[in-house]
C-alpha atoms as a PDB file:
ATOM      1  CA  MET A   1       0.137  -0.063   0.010  1.00  0.00           C
ATOM      2  CA  GLY A   2       1.734   3.471  -0.806  1.00  0.00           C
ATOM      3  CA  GLY A   3       0.323   6.897  -1.157  1.00  0.00           C
ATOM      4  CA  VAL A   4      -2.236   8.716   0.123  1.00  0.00           C
ATOM      5  CA  ALA A   5      -3.984   5.254   1.045  1.00  0.00           C
ATOM      6  CA  GLN A   6      -0.566   4.455   3.449  1.00  0.00           C
ATOM      7  CA  ILE A   7      -1.933   7.752   5.687  1.00  0.00           C
ATOM      8  CA  LEU A   8      -5.283   6.824   5.272  1.00  0.00           C
ATOM      9  CA  ASP A   9      -4.642   3.363   6.805  1.00  0.00           C
ATOM     10  CA  LEU A  10      -5.243   4.928  10.185  1.00  0.00           C
ATOM     11  CA  ALA A  11      -3.205   2.159  12.016  1.00  0.00           C
ATOM     12  CA  TYR A  12      -2.677   4.117  15.140  1.00  0.00           C
ATOM     13  CA  LEU A  13      -0.755   1.110  17.027  1.00  0.00           C
ATOM     14  CA  ASN A  14       1.932   0.928  14.026  1.00  0.00           C
ATOM     15  CA  PRO A  15       4.898   3.028  15.061  1.00  0.00           C
ATOM     16  CA  ILE A  16       5.784   2.834  11.408  1.00  0.00           C
ATOM     17  CA  TRP A  17       2.246   4.561  10.429  1.00  0.00           C
ATOM     18  CA  TRP A  18       3.075   7.557  12.983  1.00  0.00           C
ATOM     19  CA  LEU A  19       6.791   7.833  11.674  1.00  0.00           C
ATOM     20  CA  SER A  20       5.384   8.261   8.096  1.00  0.00           C
ATOM     21  CA  VAL A  21       2.519  10.916   9.459  1.00  0.00           C
ATOM     22  CA  ALA A  22       5.415  12.826  10.853  1.00  0.00           C
ATOM     23  CA  ILE A  23       7.811  12.670   7.986  1.00  0.00           C
ATOM     24  CA  LEU A  24       4.837  13.740   5.663  1.00  0.00           C
ATOM     25  CA  GLY A  25       3.981  16.564   8.421  1.00  0.00           C
ATOM     26  CA  PHE A  26       7.855  17.778   8.397  1.00  0.00           C
ATOM     27  CA  LYS A  27       7.835  18.089   4.379  1.00  0.00           C
ATOM     28  CA  LEU A  28       4.258  20.022   4.924  1.00  0.00           C
ATOM     29  CA  PHE A  29       5.670  22.207   7.320  1.00  0.00           C
ATOM     30  CA  ALA A  30       8.903  23.106   5.597  1.00  0.00           C
ATOM     31  CA  LEU A  31       7.001  23.715   2.356  1.00  0.00           C
ATOM     32  CA  LEU A  32       4.360  25.994   4.038  1.00  0.00           C
ATOM     33  CA  ASP A  33       7.150  27.968   5.793  1.00  0.00           C
ATOM     34  CA  ALA A  34       8.938  28.273   2.291  1.00  0.00           C
ATOM     35  CA  VAL A  35       5.799  29.472   0.723  1.00  0.00           C
ATOM     36  CA  THR A  36       5.362  32.251   3.306  1.00  0.00           C
ATOM     37  CA  ARG A  37       8.666  33.832   3.139  1.00  0.00           C
ATOM     38  CA  ARG A  38       9.577  36.751   1.078  1.00  0.00           C
ATOM     39  CA  GLU A  39      11.457  36.054  -2.369  1.00  0.00           C
ATOM     40  CA  ASP A  40      14.110  38.959  -1.222  1.00  0.00           C
ATOM     41  CA  ALA A  41      15.032  37.474   1.827  1.00  0.00           C
ATOM     42  CA  TYR A  42      16.358  34.352   0.480  1.00  0.00           C
ATOM     43  CA  ARG A  43      18.753  36.276  -1.978  1.00  0.00           C
ATOM     44  CA  ALA A  44      19.790  38.630   0.990  1.00  0.00           C
ATOM     45  CA  ALA A  45      20.363  35.607   3.285  1.00  0.00           C
ATOM     46  CA  ASP A  46      22.722  34.655   0.251  1.00  0.00           C
ATOM     47  CA  LYS A  47      21.005  31.053  -0.297  1.00  0.00           C
ATOM     48  CA  LYS A  48      19.165  29.589  -3.306  1.00  0.00           C
ATOM     49  CA  THR A  49      15.772  31.324  -4.703  1.00  0.00           C
ATOM     50  CA  LYS A  50      12.509  30.969  -3.469  1.00  0.00           C
ATOM     51  CA  PRO A  51      11.510  29.017  -6.680  1.00  0.00           C
ATOM     52  CA  PHE A  52      14.113  26.566  -6.122  1.00  0.00           C
ATOM     53  CA  TRP A  53      13.371  25.620  -2.440  1.00  0.00           C
ATOM     54  CA  LEU A  54       9.800  25.790  -3.411  1.00  0.00           C
ATOM     55  CA  THR A  55       9.994  23.147  -6.240  1.00  0.00           C
ATOM     56  CA  ILE A  56      12.334  21.001  -4.325  1.00  0.00           C
ATOM     57  CA  LEU A  57      10.038  20.963  -1.279  1.00  0.00           C
ATOM     58  CA  ALA A  58       6.936  20.325  -3.306  1.00  0.00           C
ATOM     59  CA  ILE A  59       8.691  17.206  -5.041  1.00  0.00           C
ATOM     60  CA  ALA A  60       9.713  16.202  -1.724  1.00  0.00           C
ATOM     61  CA  PHE A  61       6.176  16.440  -0.442  1.00  0.00           C
ATOM     62  CA  GLY A  62       4.450  15.425  -3.616  1.00  0.00           C
ATOM     63  CA  TRP A  63       6.590  12.168  -4.096  1.00  0.00           C
ATOM     64  CA  ASP A  64       5.336  10.988  -0.924  1.00  0.00           C
ATOM     65  CA  LEU A  65       2.006  11.589  -1.611  1.00  0.00           C
ATOM     66  CA  LEU A  66       2.013   9.533  -4.945  1.00  0.00           C
ATOM     67  CA  PHE A  67       4.436   6.956  -3.794  1.00  0.00           C
ATOM     68  CA  GLY A  68       3.999   6.483  -0.022  1.00  0.00           C
ATOM     69  CA  VAL A  69       6.473   7.151   2.946  1.00  0.00           C
ATOM     70  CA  ASN A  70       9.022   4.445   2.376  1.00  0.00           C
ATOM     71  CA  PHE A  71      11.890   5.691   4.278  1.00  0.00           C
ATOM     72  CA  PHE A  72      13.613   2.515   4.757  1.00  0.00           C
ATOM     73  CA  THR A  73      14.129   1.500   0.836  1.00  0.00           C
ATOM     74  CA  GLY A  74      12.816   4.820  -0.610  1.00  0.00           C
ATOM     75  CA  ILE A  75      15.463   6.962  -1.896  1.00  0.00           C
ATOM     76  CA  GLY A  76      12.690   9.642  -2.992  1.00  0.00           C
ATOM     77  CA  THR A  77      11.599   9.841   0.551  1.00  0.00           C
ATOM     78  CA  LEU A  78      15.164  10.084   2.113  1.00  0.00           C
ATOM     79  CA  ALA A  79      16.347  12.711  -0.277  1.00  0.00           C
ATOM     80  CA  GLY A  80      13.082  14.463   0.069  1.00  0.00           C
ATOM     81  CA  LEU A  81      13.683  14.382   4.008  1.00  0.00           C
ATOM     82  CA  VAL A  82      17.257  15.555   3.703  1.00  0.00           C
ATOM     83  CA  ALA A  83      15.937  18.501   1.481  1.00  0.00           C
ATOM     84  CA  SER A  84      13.527  19.653   4.325  1.00  0.00           C
ATOM     85  CA  ILE A  85      16.053  19.359   7.265  1.00  0.00           C
ATOM     86  CA  VAL A  86      18.391  21.156   5.345  1.00  0.00           C
ATOM     87  CA  TYR A  87      15.864  23.974   4.678  1.00  0.00           C
ATOM     88  CA  MET A  88      14.741  24.029   8.284  1.00  0.00           C
ATOM     89  CA  VAL A  89      18.175  23.871   9.941  1.00  0.00           C
ATOM     90  CA  ASP A  90      20.185  26.176   7.478  1.00  0.00           C
ATOM     91  CA  VAL A  91      17.918  28.225   5.203  1.00  0.00           C
ATOM     92  CA  ARG A  92      14.851  29.025   7.547  1.00  0.00           C
ATOM     93  CA  PRO A  93      16.958  30.422  10.486  1.00  0.00           C
ATOM     94  CA  ALA A  94      19.419  32.851   8.049  1.00  0.00           C
ATOM     95  CA  ILE A  95      15.992  34.222   6.435  1.00  0.00           C
ATOM     96  CA  ARG A  96      14.548  34.359  10.219  1.00  0.00           C
ATOM     97  CA  ALA A  97      17.254  36.376  11.376  1.00  0.00           C
ATOM     98  CA  LEU A  98      17.063  38.849   8.165  1.00  0.00           C
ATOM     99  CA  THR A  99      13.411  39.299   8.311  1.00  0.00           C
ATOM    100  CA  GLY A 100      12.820  39.282  12.353  1.00  0.00           C
ATOM    101  CA  GLY A 101      11.011  36.216  12.502  1.00  0.00           C
ATOM    102  CA  GLY A 102       7.638  35.362  10.697  1.00  0.00           C
ATOM    103  CA  GLY A 103       7.258  35.372   7.251  1.00  0.00           C
ATOM    104  CA  ARG A 104       4.780  38.243   6.642  1.00  0.00           C
ATOM    105  CA  GLY A 105       6.459  40.786   8.864  1.00  0.00           C
ATOM    106  CA  GLY A 106       7.179  39.145  12.199  1.00  0.00           C
ATOM    107  CA  ARG A 107       6.704  40.188  15.731  1.00  0.00           C
ATOM    108  CA  SER A 108       9.601  40.684  18.197  1.00  0.00           C
ATOM    109  CA  ASN A 109       9.982  42.091  21.841  1.00  0.00           C
ATOM    110  CA  ALA A 110      11.884  44.677  20.957  1.00  0.00           C
ATOM    111  CA  GLY A 111      10.866  48.439  22.063  1.00  0.00           C
ATOM    112  CA  PRO A 112      11.647  51.796  20.761  1.00  0.00           C
ATOM    113  CA  TYR A 113      14.721  51.934  23.159  1.00  0.00           C
ATOM    114  CA  GLY A 114      15.673  48.138  22.940  1.00  0.00           C
ATOM    115  CA  PRO A 115      14.251  44.380  24.135  1.00  0.00           C
ATOM    116  CA  TRP A 116      11.656  44.710  27.056  1.00  0.00           C
END
């Protein structure tokens, strides 16, 4: 069984199912985070462009939706997981440091005279 049917199987007692859902959720979070970031922040952080990351992360997420999360032998799942991890630990912190947090302006605890 693969693809979306693997997730819809609802095998709550199977730890492999939970790991599959967690990997798919992680990839979806990385993709949605990349969508909300500004295009110029990628260039300012000296990272690849926004369309590059959106393409890589969308392929990684779509691969698992179509073929199922097979992290033991699936090279597509593992490559997509590595790409998502690279985005989350390298690209996302660099962009957040430039934009001040969220992709839509963000909030910070800095007042007019410094942090409060």
